[in-house]
Amino acid sequence: MKTSQIIFAGFGGQGILFSGKFLAYNGLIAEKNVSWLPSYGPEMRGGTANCSVIISDTPVGSPIVSEADMLVVMNNPSLEKFESAVVPGGKIFVDSALVDMKVTRTDVDVYYIPATKMAGDEGISTLANMILVGKLLKESGLFDFSNIDAVLDKIVSAKHQDLKAFNHKALSLGYNYEG
């Protein structure tokens, strides 16, 4: 695998940190070295939120992602801030239902997924983040999709076990999205 560095970014309340945690737990289950570093503004909902995830075959020396292999963005300010942090040949996943800007770089692969609209249409409006993660799993090949239930078992709290099926549905929607 080598080392993969991923940034998730958007507004607080969009599930940005949960998305990163999901990917980090995938790494733990696959017995990789993992770092998950959340960061958010002073407001919990509506403020900025991002997290950095590093998944590696070797020990992770620093949790700071300076050169991302992948970027997932759910708002315009995040695209403006982090587009330049992606390495040439990297991948950018954009929630095109919320982000009306286009990626200006031509040296990265870009995936525009109307995740928020898709989630609303499917009755899972709070899970646009997981639709984007599903697409990331498909396009990156980081982890086998068949492991998602084991990861969901670890990160969905006992109080919210009813949400596992909805998360699975959102991940599947993203994984199977062709657009």
Protein backbone atom coordinates (compact mmCIF):
# COMPACT_ATOMS: atom_id res chain seq x y z
CA MET A 1 0.00 0.00 0.00
CA LYS A 2 2.73 2.47 0.97
CA THR A 3 1.43 5.64 2.64
CA SER A 4 -1.81 7.42 1.80
CA GLN A 5 -2.58 10.90 3.10
CA ILE A 6 -6.19 12.11 2.96
CA ILE A 7 -7.87 15.39 3.92
CA PHE A 8 -11.61 15.65 4.58
CA ALA A 9 -12.95 19.22 4.75
CA GLY A 10 -16.25 21.08 5.03
CA PHE A 11 -18.50 22.73 7.59
CA GLY A 12 -19.10 21.43 11.10
CA GLY A 13 -22.13 19.16 11.19
CA GLN A 14 -21.47 17.56 7.78
CA GLY A 15 -19.85 14.45 9.25
CA ILE A 16 -16.33 15.39 8.18
CA LEU A 17 -14.69 13.98 11.32
CA PHE A 18 -16.82 10.83 11.17
CA SER A 19 -15.72 10.27 7.56
CA GLY A 20 -12.09 10.46 8.58
CA LYS A 21 -12.69 8.17 11.54
CA PHE A 22 -14.35 5.63 9.25
CA LEU A 23 -11.33 5.58 6.95
CA ALA A 24 -8.91 5.41 9.89
CA TYR A 25 -10.76 2.41 11.35
CA ASN A 26 -10.53 0.71 7.96
CA GLY A 27 -6.78 1.06 8.33
CA LEU A 28 -6.80 -0.33 11.87
CA ILE A 29 -8.83 -3.35 10.83
CA ALA A 30 -6.38 -3.90 7.95
CA GLU A 31 -3.56 -3.74 10.54
CA LYS A 32 -2.01 -0.61 9.05
CA ASN A 33 -0.39 2.27 10.89
CA VAL A 34 -2.94 5.05 11.19
CA SER A 35 -3.20 8.69 12.21
CA TRP A 36 -6.49 10.64 12.49
CA LEU A 37 -6.20 14.34 13.32
CA PRO A 38 -9.44 16.37 13.62
CA SER A 39 -9.55 20.14 13.40
CA TYR A 40 -12.52 22.45 13.67
CA GLY A 41 -13.36 26.08 14.18
CA PRO A 42 -14.91 27.54 17.34
CA GLU A 43 -18.46 26.78 16.20
CA MET A 44 -19.44 23.12 16.30
CA ARG A 45 -22.06 23.39 13.55
CA GLY A 46 -21.55 25.73 10.66
CA GLY A 47 -17.89 26.46 11.44
CA THR A 48 -15.06 24.96 9.48
CA ALA A 49 -14.10 21.35 10.05
CA ASN A 50 -11.41 19.17 8.57
CA CYS A 51 -9.45 16.11 9.45
CA SER A 52 -6.30 14.51 8.22
CA VAL A 53 -5.95 10.75 7.90
CA ILE A 54 -2.70 8.92 7.23
CA ILE A 55 -2.70 5.20 6.49
CA SER A 56 0.65 3.52 6.09
CA ASP A 57 2.54 0.25 6.02
CA THR A 58 5.22 1.92 8.12
CA PRO A 59 5.00 3.94 11.36
CA VAL A 60 3.47 7.40 10.96
CA GLY A 61 5.95 10.03 12.14
CA SER A 62 3.62 13.02 12.15
CA PRO A 63 -0.18 13.34 11.93
CA ILE A 64 0.13 16.47 9.77
CA VAL A 65 -0.81 16.02 6.10
CA SER A 66 1.21 18.43 4.02
CA GLU A 67 0.90 16.64 0.68
CA ALA A 68 -2.45 14.89 0.33
CA ASP A 69 -2.98 12.00 -2.04
CA MET A 70 -6.73 12.54 -1.73
CA LEU A 71 -9.03 15.39 -0.78
CA VAL A 72 -12.75 15.23 0.01
CA VAL A 73 -14.50 18.63 0.09
CA MET A 74 -18.04 19.57 1.01
CA ASN A 75 -17.94 23.38 0.70
CA ASN A 76 -16.36 26.12 -1.41
CA PRO A 77 -13.95 27.42 1.27
CA SER A 78 -12.51 23.92 1.68
CA LEU A 79 -11.83 23.58 -2.02
CA GLU A 80 -10.18 27.00 -2.07
CA LYS A 81 -8.04 26.17 0.96
CA PHE A 82 -6.96 22.59 0.22
CA GLU A 83 -6.90 22.16 -3.59
CA SER A 84 -3.24 23.14 -3.70
CA ALA A 85 -2.35 20.60 -0.98
CA VAL A 86 -3.05 17.65 -3.29
CA VAL A 87 -0.03 16.08 -4.98
CA PRO A 88 0.08 15.85 -8.79
CA GLY A 89 -1.71 12.64 -9.74
CA GLY A 90 -3.86 12.83 -6.60
CA LYS A 91 -7.63 12.59 -6.37
CA ILE A 92 -10.18 15.24 -5.37
CA PHE A 93 -13.75 14.29 -4.45
CA VAL A 94 -16.22 17.20 -4.56
CA ASP A 95 -19.81 17.33 -3.30
CA SER A 96 -21.08 19.06 -6.43
CA ALA A 97 -24.49 19.67 -4.85
CA LEU A 98 -22.85 22.13 -2.41
CA VAL A 99 -19.65 23.20 -4.15
CA ASP A 100 -20.31 25.33 -7.20
CA MET A 101 -16.63 25.92 -7.95
CA LYS A 102 -14.60 23.71 -10.25
CA VAL A 103 -11.15 22.34 -9.53
CA THR A 104 -8.72 24.49 -11.48
CA ARG A 105 -5.86 21.99 -11.61
CA THR A 106 -5.37 19.64 -14.52
CA ASP A 107 -2.78 17.38 -12.87
CA VAL A 108 -5.26 15.63 -10.51
CA ASP A 109 -8.24 13.31 -11.00
CA VAL A 110 -11.49 15.03 -10.00
CA TYR A 111 -14.78 13.37 -9.11
CA TYR A 112 -17.89 15.52 -8.87
CA ILE A 113 -20.54 13.68 -6.87
CA PRO A 114 -23.88 15.37 -6.03
CA ALA A 115 -23.74 13.67 -2.63
CA THR A 116 -26.03 16.01 -0.70
CA LYS A 117 -28.74 15.75 -3.38
CA MET A 118 -28.33 11.97 -3.58
CA ALA A 119 -28.61 11.65 0.20
CA GLY A 120 -31.74 13.82 0.28
CA ASP A 121 -33.34 11.85 -2.56
CA GLU A 122 -32.70 8.59 -0.67
CA GLY A 123 -34.04 9.85 2.67
CA ILE A 124 -30.60 9.82 4.31
CA SER A 125 -29.94 13.56 4.16
CA THR A 126 -27.31 13.56 6.92
CA LEU A 127 -25.10 11.01 5.17
CA ALA A 128 -23.76 12.86 2.12
CA ASN A 129 -20.32 12.50 3.71
CA MET A 130 -20.53 8.71 3.55
CA ILE A 131 -21.59 8.81 -0.11
CA LEU A 132 -18.33 10.66 -0.79
CA VAL A 133 -16.39 8.09 1.25
CA GLY A 134 -17.99 5.31 -0.80
CA LYS A 135 -16.76 6.94 -4.01
CA LEU A 136 -13.29 7.40 -2.46
CA LEU A 137 -13.19 3.68 -1.60
CA LYS A 138 -14.09 2.77 -5.18
CA GLU A 139 -11.64 5.10 -6.90
CA SER A 140 -8.72 4.71 -4.51
CA GLY A 141 -8.74 0.96 -4.00
CA LEU A 142 -7.46 1.59 -0.47
CA PHE A 143 -9.70 -0.99 1.14
CA ASP A 144 -12.00 -3.81 0.14
CA PHE A 145 -15.63 -2.67 0.21
CA SER A 146 -16.64 -5.96 1.83
CA ASN A 147 -15.05 -4.77 5.11
CA ILE A 148 -17.39 -1.80 5.62
CA ASP A 149 -19.77 -3.59 7.98
CA ALA A 150 -16.91 -4.52 10.32
CA VAL A 151 -15.82 -0.88 10.36
CA LEU A 152 -19.36 0.38 10.95
CA ASP A 153 -19.64 -2.07 13.87
CA LYS A 154 -16.65 -0.31 15.45
CA ILE A 155 -17.54 3.33 14.88
CA VAL A 156 -21.33 3.52 15.11
CA SER A 157 -22.16 3.84 18.81
CA ALA A 158 -24.41 1.34 20.56
CA LYS A 159 -26.98 4.12 20.95
CA HIS A 160 -27.16 4.57 17.16
CA GLN A 161 -27.03 0.98 15.90
CA ASP A 162 -30.11 1.69 13.81
CA LEU A 163 -27.94 4.00 11.67
CA LYS A 164 -25.59 1.24 10.48
CA ALA A 165 -27.92 0.21 7.66
CA PHE A 166 -28.26 3.84 6.51
CA ASN A 167 -24.47 4.31 6.53
CA HIS A 168 -24.09 1.10 4.55
CA LYS A 169 -26.64 2.38 2.03
CA ALA A 170 -24.81 5.72 1.70
CA LEU A 171 -21.45 4.03 1.20
CA SER A 172 -22.97 1.76 -1.45
CA LEU A 173 -24.53 4.73 -3.27
CA GLY A 174 -21.15 6.43 -3.49
CA TYR A 175 -19.28 3.27 -4.39
CA ASN A 176 -21.66 2.56 -7.26
CA TYR A 177 -22.01 6.16 -8.47
CA GLU A 178 -21.06 6.64 -12.11
CA GLY A 179 -20.93 10.25 -13.11
